[in-house]
Amino acid sequence: MGICDPEGATLGTVYFVFSTAFLFGWFHEGWEDGFPRGRAYIAIAGIMAMTFGDAFASIIGKTYGARNYRVIGDSRRRKTIEGSLANFIATFFSVLVFWWIMTPPALSTWNYFTGAFVSAIASTCFESISPMGIDNITVPLGVAFILSFLGY
């Protein structure tokens, strides 16, 4: 299977671009007020979950993954416990660091940690149940909207 092999290809990259544009459009309020741009930090949490969480899940899962499980609705794809754990850890730290850099005015330091933890749980769950590249929609949108629903 080569890098351009259409057999293993998904529309994941297209989905990720759509998700990113959608999140920045949805959470755009307050941009005219300058940095940290209203609620853009919620969009960033979803994007970081997909960018770092998914990447590390893939790298660690393919390299060190020994315990497999199947994705619901996609009998061809398997995920690994090790990859899912890497997703959780990478999402937690990427959201924490990016929120720390952005210093959202609505959040306390405690909220940085709880928000990163919620993001990591949501990302890992959505990643583990999403078939065929659809995780590039479910992870960023799911993380962002859960955080928004919880009042972050």
N, C-alpha and C. Protein backbone atom coordinates (compact mmCIF):
# COMPACT_ATOMS: atom_id res chain seq x y z
N MET A 1 0.84 -1.17 0.00
CA MET A 1 0.00 0.00 0.00
C MET A 1 0.89 1.23 0.00
N GLY A 2 0.81 2.01 -1.05
CA GLY A 2 1.63 3.20 -1.19
C GLY A 2 0.96 4.42 -0.59
N ILE A 3 1.68 5.53 -0.59
CA ILE A 3 1.17 6.76 0.00
C ILE A 3 -0.02 7.32 -0.78
N CYS A 4 -0.09 7.04 -2.07
CA CYS A 4 -1.19 7.53 -2.89
C CYS A 4 -2.16 6.42 -3.26
N ASP A 5 -2.16 5.36 -2.51
CA ASP A 5 -3.01 4.21 -2.79
C ASP A 5 -4.48 4.55 -2.53
N PRO A 6 -5.31 4.57 -3.58
CA PRO A 6 -6.71 4.95 -3.39
C PRO A 6 -7.51 3.93 -2.58
N GLU A 7 -7.02 2.70 -2.46
CA GLU A 7 -7.75 1.68 -1.71
C GLU A 7 -7.86 2.05 -0.24
N GLY A 8 -6.81 2.61 0.34
CA GLY A 8 -6.82 2.98 1.75
C GLY A 8 -7.17 4.44 1.98
N ALA A 9 -7.48 5.16 0.91
CA ALA A 9 -7.73 6.59 1.01
C ALA A 9 -9.12 6.88 1.59
N THR A 10 -9.21 7.97 2.32
CA THR A 10 -10.48 8.47 2.81
C THR A 10 -10.55 9.96 2.49
N LEU A 11 -11.66 10.56 2.77
CA LEU A 11 -11.80 12.00 2.58
C LEU A 11 -11.44 12.76 3.85
N GLY A 12 -10.66 12.14 4.71
CA GLY A 12 -10.31 12.71 6.00
C GLY A 12 -9.72 14.10 5.93
N THR A 13 -8.83 14.35 4.99
CA THR A 13 -8.20 15.67 4.87
C THR A 13 -9.24 16.73 4.50
N VAL A 14 -10.12 16.39 3.60
CA VAL A 14 -11.19 17.32 3.21
C VAL A 14 -12.10 17.59 4.41
N TYR A 15 -12.44 16.55 5.15
CA TYR A 15 -13.29 16.70 6.32
C TYR A 15 -12.63 17.61 7.36
N PHE A 16 -11.31 17.47 7.53
CA PHE A 16 -10.61 18.27 8.52
C PHE A 16 -10.63 19.75 8.15
N VAL A 17 -10.42 20.06 6.89
CA VAL A 17 -10.46 21.45 6.44
C VAL A 17 -11.86 22.02 6.65
N PHE A 18 -12.88 21.24 6.30
CA PHE A 18 -14.27 21.67 6.52
C PHE A 18 -14.51 21.93 8.01
N SER A 19 -14.09 21.01 8.85
CA SER A 19 -14.31 21.16 10.30
C SER A 19 -13.64 22.40 10.85
N THR A 20 -12.41 22.65 10.42
CA THR A 20 -11.66 23.81 10.89
C THR A 20 -12.36 25.11 10.48
N ALA A 21 -12.73 25.20 9.21
CA ALA A 21 -13.41 26.41 8.73
C ALA A 21 -14.74 26.60 9.45
N PHE A 22 -15.48 25.52 9.63
CA PHE A 22 -16.77 25.59 10.31
C PHE A 22 -16.60 26.07 11.75
N LEU A 23 -15.62 25.52 12.47
CA LEU A 23 -15.42 25.90 13.87
C LEU A 23 -15.03 27.37 14.00
N PHE A 24 -14.13 27.84 13.16
CA PHE A 24 -13.75 29.25 13.25
C PHE A 24 -14.91 30.16 12.86
N GLY A 25 -15.74 29.72 11.93
CA GLY A 25 -16.93 30.49 11.59
C GLY A 25 -17.95 30.51 12.72
N TRP A 26 -18.16 29.37 13.37
CA TRP A 26 -19.17 29.25 14.42
C TRP A 26 -18.77 30.03 15.69
N PHE A 27 -17.50 29.95 16.04
CA PHE A 27 -17.03 30.58 17.29
C PHE A 27 -16.32 31.91 17.02
N HIS A 28 -16.78 32.66 16.05
CA HIS A 28 -16.10 33.88 15.64
C HIS A 28 -16.43 35.11 16.48
N GLU A 29 -17.47 35.07 17.28
CA GLU A 29 -17.89 36.28 17.98
C GLU A 29 -16.75 36.88 18.79
N GLY A 30 -16.68 38.20 18.76
CA GLY A 30 -15.67 38.92 19.52
C GLY A 30 -14.33 39.07 18.82
N TRP A 31 -14.23 38.66 17.57
CA TRP A 31 -12.95 38.78 16.88
C TRP A 31 -12.53 40.24 16.69
N GLU A 32 -13.51 41.11 16.57
CA GLU A 32 -13.18 42.52 16.37
C GLU A 32 -12.51 43.13 17.60
N ASP A 33 -12.61 42.45 18.75
CA ASP A 33 -12.01 42.96 19.97
C ASP A 33 -10.54 42.60 20.12
N GLY A 34 -9.99 41.85 19.18
CA GLY A 34 -8.58 41.50 19.22
C GLY A 34 -8.31 40.20 19.94
N PHE A 35 -7.03 39.92 20.17
CA PHE A 35 -6.59 38.68 20.78
C PHE A 35 -7.09 38.60 22.20
N PRO A 36 -7.57 37.52 22.69
CA PRO A 36 -7.61 36.17 22.14
C PRO A 36 -8.86 35.83 21.34
N ARG A 37 -9.46 36.77 20.72
CA ARG A 37 -10.50 36.54 19.73
C ARG A 37 -11.76 35.85 20.23
N GLY A 38 -12.40 36.44 21.18
CA GLY A 38 -13.68 35.93 21.64
C GLY A 38 -13.62 34.49 22.12
N ARG A 39 -14.37 33.61 21.46
CA ARG A 39 -14.42 32.20 21.86
C ARG A 39 -13.65 31.30 20.90
N ALA A 40 -12.69 31.86 20.18
CA ALA A 40 -11.89 31.06 19.26
C ALA A 40 -11.14 29.94 19.98
N TYR A 41 -10.90 30.11 21.27
CA TYR A 41 -10.19 29.08 22.03
C TYR A 41 -10.97 27.76 22.04
N ILE A 42 -12.29 27.82 21.90
CA ILE A 42 -13.08 26.59 21.84
C ILE A 42 -12.83 25.89 20.50
N ALA A 43 -12.81 26.67 19.43
CA ALA A 43 -12.47 26.10 18.12
C ALA A 43 -11.08 25.50 18.14
N ILE A 44 -10.14 26.20 18.77
CA ILE A 44 -8.76 25.72 18.86
C ILE A 44 -8.70 24.38 19.59
N ALA A 45 -9.50 24.20 20.63
CA ALA A 45 -9.49 22.94 21.37
C ALA A 45 -9.87 21.78 20.45
N GLY A 46 -10.92 21.95 19.65
CA GLY A 46 -11.32 20.90 18.72
C GLY A 46 -10.26 20.63 17.67
N ILE A 47 -9.66 21.69 17.17
CA ILE A 47 -8.63 21.54 16.14
C ILE A 47 -7.38 20.89 16.70
N MET A 48 -6.98 21.25 17.91
CA MET A 48 -5.81 20.62 18.54
C MET A 48 -6.06 19.14 18.82
N ALA A 49 -7.28 18.81 19.22
CA ALA A 49 -7.62 17.41 19.46
C ALA A 49 -7.41 16.59 18.20
N MET A 50 -7.81 17.14 17.07
CA MET A 50 -7.65 16.40 15.82
C MET A 50 -6.20 16.43 15.35
N THR A 51 -5.57 17.59 15.42
CA THR A 51 -4.21 17.75 14.91
C THR A 51 -3.22 16.89 15.68
N PHE A 52 -3.16 17.05 16.99
CA PHE A 52 -2.17 16.33 17.78
C PHE A 52 -2.68 14.98 18.26
N GLY A 53 -3.91 14.93 18.75
CA GLY A 53 -4.45 13.68 19.26
C GLY A 53 -4.48 12.58 18.19
N ASP A 54 -5.01 12.90 17.03
CA ASP A 54 -5.10 11.92 15.95
C ASP A 54 -3.72 11.53 15.43
N ALA A 55 -2.84 12.49 15.29
CA ALA A 55 -1.49 12.19 14.79
C ALA A 55 -0.74 11.25 15.74
N PHE A 56 -0.75 11.58 17.02
CA PHE A 56 -0.06 10.72 17.97
C PHE A 56 -0.73 9.36 18.12
N ALA A 57 -2.05 9.32 18.01
CA ALA A 57 -2.75 8.03 18.06
C ALA A 57 -2.29 7.14 16.93
N SER A 58 -2.16 7.72 15.76
CA SER A 58 -1.73 6.94 14.60
C SER A 58 -0.28 6.46 14.75
N ILE A 59 0.60 7.36 15.13
CA ILE A 59 2.02 7.01 15.25
C ILE A 59 2.23 5.95 16.33
N ILE A 60 1.71 6.19 17.51
CA ILE A 60 1.90 5.26 18.62
C ILE A 60 1.15 3.96 18.36
N GLY A 61 -0.07 4.06 17.85
CA GLY A 61 -0.86 2.85 17.57
C GLY A 61 -0.20 1.94 16.56
N LYS A 62 0.35 2.53 15.49
CA LYS A 62 1.00 1.71 14.46
C LYS A 62 2.36 1.17 14.92
N THR A 63 3.06 1.92 15.74
CA THR A 63 4.39 1.53 16.18
C THR A 63 4.36 0.58 17.37
N TYR A 64 3.53 0.88 18.36
CA TYR A 64 3.55 0.12 19.60
C TYR A 64 2.24 -0.61 19.92
N GLY A 65 1.25 -0.44 19.07
CA GLY A 65 -0.06 -1.01 19.35
C GLY A 65 -0.07 -2.52 19.36
N ALA A 66 -0.51 -3.09 20.46
CA ALA A 66 -0.58 -4.55 20.59
C ALA A 66 -1.99 -5.02 20.90
N ARG A 67 -2.79 -4.17 21.51
CA ARG A 67 -4.16 -4.55 21.88
C ARG A 67 -5.15 -3.83 20.97
N ASN A 68 -5.77 -4.59 20.07
CA ASN A 68 -6.66 -4.03 19.06
C ASN A 68 -8.12 -4.06 19.49
N TYR A 69 -8.89 -3.17 18.90
CA TYR A 69 -10.36 -3.23 18.98
C TYR A 69 -10.90 -2.73 17.66
N ARG A 70 -12.12 -3.13 17.35
CA ARG A 70 -12.75 -2.74 16.09
C ARG A 70 -13.58 -1.48 16.27
N VAL A 71 -13.66 -0.71 15.19
CA VAL A 71 -14.48 0.48 15.17
C VAL A 71 -15.90 0.06 14.81
N ILE A 72 -16.86 0.55 15.54
CA ILE A 72 -18.27 0.22 15.28
C ILE A 72 -18.64 0.68 13.88
N GLY A 73 -19.23 -0.20 13.11
CA GLY A 73 -19.69 0.14 11.77
C GLY A 73 -18.61 0.09 10.70
N ASP A 74 -17.41 -0.33 11.04
CA ASP A 74 -16.32 -0.39 10.07
C ASP A 74 -15.46 -1.61 10.39
N SER A 75 -15.82 -2.74 9.85
CA SER A 75 -15.14 -3.99 10.19
C SER A 75 -13.71 -4.07 9.67
N ARG A 76 -13.35 -3.21 8.72
CA ARG A 76 -11.99 -3.24 8.16
C ARG A 76 -10.97 -2.52 9.04
N ARG A 77 -11.41 -1.55 9.78
CA ARG A 77 -10.49 -0.72 10.56
C ARG A 77 -10.36 -1.22 11.98
N ARG A 78 -9.15 -1.17 12.47
CA ARG A 78 -8.88 -1.50 13.85
C ARG A 78 -8.14 -0.34 14.50
N LYS A 79 -8.41 -0.15 15.73
CA LYS A 79 -7.71 0.84 16.54
C LYS A 79 -6.98 0.08 17.63
N THR A 80 -6.06 0.74 18.29
CA THR A 80 -5.34 0.10 19.38
C THR A 80 -5.55 0.88 20.68
N ILE A 81 -5.50 0.16 21.77
CA ILE A 81 -5.60 0.79 23.09
C ILE A 81 -4.45 1.78 23.27
N GLU A 82 -3.28 1.40 22.83
CA GLU A 82 -2.10 2.27 22.97
C GLU A 82 -2.28 3.56 22.17
N GLY A 83 -2.83 3.46 20.96
CA GLY A 83 -3.11 4.64 20.15
C GLY A 83 -4.15 5.54 20.79
N SER A 84 -5.18 4.93 21.36
CA SER A 84 -6.22 5.70 22.03
C SER A 84 -5.67 6.42 23.26
N LEU A 85 -4.79 5.76 23.99
CA LEU A 85 -4.15 6.40 25.14
C LEU A 85 -3.27 7.57 24.68
N ALA A 86 -2.55 7.38 23.59
CA ALA A 86 -1.73 8.47 23.03
C ALA A 86 -2.60 9.64 22.61
N ASN A 87 -3.77 9.35 22.04
CA ASN A 87 -4.71 10.40 21.66
C ASN A 87 -5.11 11.20 22.89
N PHE A 88 -5.47 10.51 23.96
CA PHE A 88 -5.88 11.18 25.20
C PHE A 88 -4.78 12.10 25.71
N ILE A 89 -3.56 11.58 25.81
CA ILE A 89 -2.45 12.35 26.37
C ILE A 89 -2.10 13.54 25.47
N ALA A 90 -2.02 13.32 24.17
CA ALA A 90 -1.66 14.40 23.24
C ALA A 90 -2.73 15.48 23.21
N THR A 91 -3.99 15.08 23.25
CA THR A 91 -5.06 16.07 23.26
C THR A 91 -5.02 16.88 24.55
N PHE A 92 -4.88 16.21 25.68
CA PHE A 92 -4.83 16.92 26.95
C PHE A 92 -3.74 17.99 26.95
N PHE A 93 -2.52 17.61 26.58
CA PHE A 93 -1.41 18.57 26.65
C PHE A 93 -1.49 19.63 25.56
N SER A 94 -1.96 19.29 24.37
CA SER A 94 -2.04 20.30 23.30
C SER A 94 -3.10 21.35 23.63
N VAL A 95 -4.25 20.92 24.13
CA VAL A 95 -5.28 21.89 24.51
C VAL A 95 -4.80 22.74 25.68
N LEU A 96 -4.20 22.11 26.67
CA LEU A 96 -3.69 22.84 27.83
C LEU A 96 -2.68 23.90 27.42
N VAL A 97 -1.72 23.53 26.59
CA VAL A 97 -0.67 24.47 26.18
C VAL A 97 -1.25 25.60 25.32
N PHE A 98 -2.09 25.27 24.35
CA PHE A 98 -2.63 26.31 23.49
C PHE A 98 -3.57 27.24 24.24
N TRP A 99 -4.33 26.71 25.18
CA TRP A 99 -5.17 27.60 25.98
C TRP A 99 -4.31 28.47 26.88
N TRP A 100 -3.22 27.91 27.40
CA TRP A 100 -2.33 28.70 28.25
C TRP A 100 -1.73 29.85 27.45
N ILE A 101 -1.36 29.58 26.20
CA ILE A 101 -0.80 30.62 25.33
C ILE A 101 -1.86 31.67 25.01
N MET A 102 -3.07 31.23 24.70
CA MET A 102 -4.14 32.15 24.30
C MET A 102 -4.74 32.90 25.48
N THR A 103 -4.58 32.39 26.69
CA THR A 103 -5.16 32.94 27.92
C THR A 103 -6.58 33.48 27.72
N PRO A 104 -7.52 32.57 27.45
CA PRO A 104 -8.91 33.03 27.29
C PRO A 104 -9.38 33.77 28.54
N PRO A 105 -9.91 34.97 28.38
CA PRO A 105 -10.30 35.78 29.54
C PRO A 105 -11.44 35.17 30.35
N ALA A 106 -12.24 34.32 29.74
CA ALA A 106 -13.39 33.74 30.45
C ALA A 106 -13.00 32.56 31.34
N LEU A 107 -11.76 32.12 31.26
CA LEU A 107 -11.36 30.91 31.97
C LEU A 107 -10.35 31.18 33.07
N SER A 108 -10.51 30.45 34.15
CA SER A 108 -9.50 30.47 35.21
C SER A 108 -8.46 29.40 34.91
N THR A 109 -7.39 29.40 35.67
CA THR A 109 -6.36 28.38 35.48
C THR A 109 -6.93 26.99 35.70
N TRP A 110 -7.82 26.82 36.67
CA TRP A 110 -8.45 25.52 36.92
C TRP A 110 -9.23 25.07 35.69
N ASN A 111 -9.90 26.03 35.00
CA ASN A 111 -10.65 25.70 33.79
C ASN A 111 -9.76 25.22 32.66
N TYR A 112 -8.51 25.68 32.62
CA TYR A 112 -7.59 25.18 31.59
C TYR A 112 -7.43 23.67 31.74
N PHE A 113 -7.22 23.24 32.96
CA PHE A 113 -7.00 21.80 33.21
C PHE A 113 -8.26 20.98 33.01
N THR A 114 -9.39 21.46 33.54
CA THR A 114 -10.62 20.70 33.36
C THR A 114 -11.06 20.68 31.90
N GLY A 115 -10.88 21.80 31.20
CA GLY A 115 -11.22 21.85 29.78
C GLY A 115 -10.35 20.93 28.95
N ALA A 116 -9.07 20.88 29.28
CA ALA A 116 -8.16 19.98 28.57
C ALA A 116 -8.53 18.52 28.84
N PHE A 117 -8.93 18.24 30.08
CA PHE A 117 -9.34 16.88 30.45
C PHE A 117 -10.62 16.47 29.72
N VAL A 118 -11.60 17.36 29.71
CA VAL A 118 -12.86 17.09 28.98
C VAL A 118 -12.57 16.90 27.49
N SER A 119 -11.70 17.75 26.94
CA SER A 119 -11.33 17.64 25.53
C SER A 119 -10.70 16.28 25.24
N ALA A 120 -9.82 15.84 26.12
CA ALA A 120 -9.13 14.56 25.93
C ALA A 120 -10.11 13.39 25.98
N ILE A 121 -11.03 13.43 26.92
CA ILE A 121 -12.03 12.36 27.01
C ILE A 121 -12.90 12.35 25.76
N ALA A 122 -13.41 13.51 25.37
CA ALA A 122 -14.29 13.60 24.19
C ALA A 122 -13.55 13.16 22.93
N SER A 123 -12.33 13.64 22.76
CA SER A 123 -11.54 13.28 21.59
C SER A 123 -11.31 11.78 21.49
N THR A 124 -10.93 11.17 22.60
CA THR A 124 -10.67 9.74 22.61
C THR A 124 -11.94 8.95 22.31
N CYS A 125 -13.04 9.36 22.88
CA CYS A 125 -14.31 8.66 22.62
C CYS A 125 -14.75 8.80 21.17
N PHE A 126 -14.74 10.02 20.64
CA PHE A 126 -15.16 10.22 19.25
C PHE A 126 -14.21 9.51 18.28
N GLU A 127 -12.92 9.55 18.57
CA GLU A 127 -11.94 8.86 17.72
C GLU A 127 -12.20 7.36 17.70
N SER A 128 -12.54 6.81 18.84
CA SER A 128 -12.69 5.36 18.94
C SER A 128 -13.95 4.82 18.28
N ILE A 129 -14.94 5.67 18.05
CA ILE A 129 -16.19 5.17 17.45
C ILE A 129 -16.41 5.66 16.03
N SER A 130 -15.49 6.44 15.48
CA SER A 130 -15.70 7.04 14.16
C SER A 130 -15.05 6.22 13.05
N PRO A 131 -15.85 5.75 12.09
CA PRO A 131 -15.31 4.94 11.00
C PRO A 131 -14.80 5.78 9.84
N MET A 132 -13.89 5.22 9.06
CA MET A 132 -13.49 5.68 7.73
C MET A 132 -13.16 7.17 7.58
N GLY A 133 -12.33 7.73 8.40
CA GLY A 133 -11.92 9.12 8.26
C GLY A 133 -12.93 10.14 8.73
N ILE A 134 -14.09 9.69 9.16
CA ILE A 134 -15.12 10.61 9.63
C ILE A 134 -14.72 11.25 10.96
N ASP A 135 -13.69 10.69 11.61
CA ASP A 135 -13.18 11.28 12.86
C ASP A 135 -12.69 12.70 12.64
N ASN A 136 -12.34 13.04 11.41
CA ASN A 136 -11.89 14.40 11.12
C ASN A 136 -13.04 15.40 11.17
N ILE A 137 -14.25 14.91 11.27
CA ILE A 137 -15.42 15.75 11.52
C ILE A 137 -15.87 15.59 12.97
N THR A 138 -16.01 14.34 13.41
CA THR A 138 -16.58 14.09 14.73
C THR A 138 -15.69 14.58 15.87
N VAL A 139 -14.38 14.43 15.76
CA VAL A 139 -13.49 14.83 16.86
C VAL A 139 -13.47 16.35 17.04
N PRO A 140 -13.10 17.14 16.03
CA PRO A 140 -13.05 18.59 16.29
C PRO A 140 -14.42 19.19 16.63
N LEU A 141 -15.46 18.79 15.90
CA LEU A 141 -16.78 19.35 16.19
C LEU A 141 -17.30 18.87 17.54
N GLY A 142 -17.11 17.59 17.82
CA GLY A 142 -17.57 17.03 19.09
C GLY A 142 -16.89 17.69 20.28
N VAL A 143 -15.58 17.82 20.23
CA VAL A 143 -14.84 18.44 21.34
C VAL A 143 -15.30 19.89 21.53
N ALA A 144 -15.35 20.65 20.45
CA ALA A 144 -15.71 22.07 20.56
C ALA A 144 -17.13 22.26 21.09
N PHE A 145 -18.07 21.50 20.57
CA PHE A 145 -19.45 21.70 21.00
C PHE A 145 -19.71 21.17 22.41
N ILE A 146 -19.01 20.14 22.82
CA ILE A 146 -19.13 19.69 24.21
C ILE A 146 -18.59 20.77 25.16
N LEU A 147 -17.42 21.33 24.83
CA LEU A 147 -16.87 22.40 25.66
C LEU A 147 -17.83 23.61 25.71
N SER A 148 -18.38 23.96 24.58
CA SER A 148 -19.31 25.08 24.52
C SER A 148 -20.56 24.79 25.36
N PHE A 149 -21.09 23.58 25.22
CA PHE A 149 -22.28 23.18 25.98
C PHE A 149 -22.02 23.22 27.48
N LEU A 150 -20.80 22.85 27.89
CA LEU A 150 -20.46 22.85 29.31
C LEU A 150 -20.10 24.24 29.83
N GLY A 151 -20.10 25.24 28.97
CA GLY A 151 -19.91 26.62 29.40
C GLY A 151 -18.48 27.11 29.42
N TYR A 152 -17.58 26.48 28.73
CA TYR A 152 -16.20 26.96 28.68
C TYR A 152 -16.09 28.17 27.79
